[in-house]
Amino acid sequence: MDTQKKKHIPDFESYEEEAGYWGTHDSTKFEWEPIKMTVSRPLKVTYAIRLEPQTVEKIREIAANMGIGPTTLARMWILEKLHEHTASA
């Protein structure tokens, strides 16, 4: 067991500052608080949609820039539109 005293995580002004900090510091040297996490069940239904190849490529590009998968992005967009539609109905 590590006998060194663990450091407290500093407060950061921005995500950029935090990213720079963790790029140069070892996270195992810090004191972490446990969190509670819930894991949802996998989605039950698959829905196939026919799209043009250029549309699929554009979705992939946008998703990559957001750091998520293309199917996650498509699902987010569908849920957003459903929410807008039901909110205005």
C-alpha atoms as a PDB file:
ATOM      1  CA  MET A   1       0.000   0.000   0.000  1.00  0.00           C
ATOM      2  CA  ASP A   2       1.233   3.484  -0.855  1.00  0.00           C
ATOM      3  CA  THR A   3       2.244   5.300   2.329  1.00  0.00           C
ATOM      4  CA  GLN A   4       2.603   8.699   0.651  1.00  0.00           C
ATOM      5  CA  LYS A   5      -0.075  11.245   1.438  1.00  0.00           C
ATOM      6  CA  LYS A   6      -2.470  11.718  -1.484  1.00  0.00           C
ATOM      7  CA  LYS A   7      -2.843  15.196  -2.991  1.00  0.00           C
ATOM      8  CA  HIS A   8      -6.146  17.023  -3.277  1.00  0.00           C
ATOM      9  CA  ILE A   9      -7.421  17.776  -6.778  1.00  0.00           C
ATOM     10  CA  PRO A  10      -7.117  21.506  -7.497  1.00  0.00           C
ATOM     11  CA  ASP A  11      -9.957  23.674  -8.782  1.00  0.00           C
ATOM     12  CA  PHE A  12      -9.701  24.665 -12.442  1.00  0.00           C
ATOM     13  CA  GLU A  13     -10.921  27.753 -14.298  1.00  0.00           C
ATOM     14  CA  SER A  14     -11.655  25.888 -17.544  1.00  0.00           C
ATOM     15  CA  TYR A  15     -11.669  22.456 -19.177  1.00  0.00           C
ATOM     16  CA  GLU A  16      -8.588  23.500 -21.133  1.00  0.00           C
ATOM     17  CA  GLU A  17      -6.699  24.293 -17.922  1.00  0.00           C
ATOM     18  CA  GLU A  18      -7.762  20.977 -16.418  1.00  0.00           C
ATOM     19  CA  ALA A  19      -6.782  19.042 -19.548  1.00  0.00           C
ATOM     20  CA  GLY A  20      -3.339  20.673 -19.515  1.00  0.00           C
ATOM     21  CA  TYR A  21      -2.912  19.849 -15.836  1.00  0.00           C
ATOM     22  CA  TRP A  22      -3.808  16.171 -16.197  1.00  0.00           C
ATOM     23  CA  GLY A  23      -1.526  15.931 -19.223  1.00  0.00           C
ATOM     24  CA  THR A  24       1.449  16.576 -16.913  1.00  0.00           C
ATOM     25  CA  HIS A  25       0.367  14.997 -13.591  1.00  0.00           C
ATOM     26  CA  ASP A  26      -0.084  11.398 -12.433  1.00  0.00           C
ATOM     27  CA  SER A  27      -3.720  10.875 -11.374  1.00  0.00           C
ATOM     28  CA  THR A  28      -2.780   7.973  -9.065  1.00  0.00           C
ATOM     29  CA  LYS A  29      -1.113  10.448  -6.687  1.00  0.00           C
ATOM     30  CA  PHE A  30      -4.421  12.174  -5.916  1.00  0.00           C
ATOM     31  CA  GLU A  31      -7.212  11.542  -3.454  1.00  0.00           C
ATOM     32  CA  TRP A  32     -10.404  10.548  -5.266  1.00  0.00           C
ATOM     33  CA  GLU A  33     -13.923  10.401  -3.876  1.00  0.00           C
ATOM     34  CA  PRO A  34     -16.096   7.454  -4.866  1.00  0.00           C
ATOM     35  CA  ILE A  35     -19.200   8.203  -6.898  1.00  0.00           C
ATOM     36  CA  LYS A  36     -22.456   6.336  -7.394  1.00  0.00           C
ATOM     37  CA  MET A  37     -23.130   5.316 -10.945  1.00  0.00           C
ATOM     38  CA  THR A  38     -26.083   3.697 -12.621  1.00  0.00           C
ATOM     39  CA  VAL A  39     -25.760   1.651 -15.748  1.00  0.00           C
ATOM     40  CA  SER A  40     -28.757   1.506 -18.030  1.00  0.00           C
ATOM     41  CA  ARG A  41     -29.835  -1.618 -19.813  1.00  0.00           C
ATOM     42  CA  PRO A  42     -28.912  -1.966 -23.455  1.00  0.00           C
ATOM     43  CA  LEU A  43     -31.394  -0.601 -25.941  1.00  0.00           C
ATOM     44  CA  LYS A  44     -33.813  -3.282 -27.109  1.00  0.00           C
ATOM     45  CA  VAL A  45     -34.737  -2.264 -30.651  1.00  0.00           C
ATOM     46  CA  THR A  46     -32.577  -1.695 -33.718  1.00  0.00           C
ATOM     47  CA  TYR A  47     -34.001   0.524 -36.445  1.00  0.00           C
ATOM     48  CA  ALA A  48     -32.368   0.364 -39.870  1.00  0.00           C
ATOM     49  CA  ILE A  49     -32.348   3.586 -41.899  1.00  0.00           C
ATOM     50  CA  ARG A  50     -31.176   3.850 -45.496  1.00  0.00           C
ATOM     51  CA  LEU A  51     -28.900   6.832 -46.075  1.00  0.00           C
ATOM     52  CA  GLU A  52     -26.693   8.057 -48.883  1.00  0.00           C
ATOM     53  CA  PRO A  53     -22.973   7.320 -48.363  1.00  0.00           C
ATOM     54  CA  GLN A  54     -22.133  11.042 -48.198  1.00  0.00           C
ATOM     55  CA  THR A  55     -24.751  11.510 -45.460  1.00  0.00           C
ATOM     56  CA  VAL A  56     -23.248   8.660 -43.435  1.00  0.00           C
ATOM     57  CA  GLU A  57     -19.761  10.133 -43.885  1.00  0.00           C
ATOM     58  CA  LYS A  58     -20.932  13.574 -42.737  1.00  0.00           C
ATOM     59  CA  ILE A  59     -22.550  12.034 -39.631  1.00  0.00           C
ATOM     60  CA  ARG A  60     -19.282  10.197 -38.906  1.00  0.00           C
ATOM     61  CA  GLU A  61     -17.268  13.423 -39.249  1.00  0.00           C
ATOM     62  CA  ILE A  62     -19.562  15.410 -36.973  1.00  0.00           C
ATOM     63  CA  ALA A  63     -19.647  12.604 -34.408  1.00  0.00           C
ATOM     64  CA  ALA A  64     -15.842  12.272 -34.441  1.00  0.00           C
ATOM     65  CA  ASN A  65     -15.490  16.019 -33.837  1.00  0.00           C
ATOM     66  CA  MET A  66     -17.839  15.649 -30.854  1.00  0.00           C
ATOM     67  CA  GLY A  67     -15.941  12.623 -29.523  1.00  0.00           C
ATOM     68  CA  ILE A  68     -18.901  10.248 -29.830  1.00  0.00           C
ATOM     69  CA  GLY A  69     -19.929   7.444 -32.148  1.00  0.00           C
ATOM     70  CA  PRO A  70     -22.080   8.081 -35.212  1.00  0.00           C
ATOM     71  CA  THR A  71     -24.962   5.941 -33.976  1.00  0.00           C
ATOM     72  CA  THR A  72     -24.934   7.815 -30.663  1.00  0.00           C
ATOM     73  CA  LEU A  73     -25.122  11.112 -32.547  1.00  0.00           C
ATOM     74  CA  ALA A  74     -27.977   9.885 -34.757  1.00  0.00           C
ATOM     75  CA  ARG A  75     -29.863   8.647 -31.671  1.00  0.00           C
ATOM     76  CA  MET A  76     -29.301  12.023 -29.956  1.00  0.00           C
ATOM     77  CA  TRP A  77     -30.664  13.886 -32.984  1.00  0.00           C
ATOM     78  CA  ILE A  78     -33.738  11.651 -33.187  1.00  0.00           C
ATOM     79  CA  LEU A  79     -34.452  12.069 -29.471  1.00  0.00           C
ATOM     80  CA  GLU A  80     -33.992  15.861 -29.713  1.00  0.00           C
ATOM     81  CA  LYS A  81     -36.509  16.075 -32.568  1.00  0.00           C
ATOM     82  CA  LEU A  82     -38.975  13.851 -30.724  1.00  0.00           C
ATOM     83  CA  HIS A  83     -38.656  16.061 -27.660  1.00  0.00           C
ATOM     84  CA  GLU A  84     -39.183  19.232 -29.746  1.00  0.00           C
ATOM     85  CA  HIS A  85     -42.211  17.688 -31.442  1.00  0.00           C
ATOM     86  CA  THR A  86     -43.848  16.520 -28.221  1.00  0.00           C
ATOM     87  CA  ALA A  87     -43.054  19.803 -26.426  1.00  0.00           C
ATOM     88  CA  SER A  88     -44.773  21.852 -29.134  1.00  0.00           C
ATOM     89  CA  ALA A  89     -47.774  19.512 -29.479  1.00  0.00           C
END
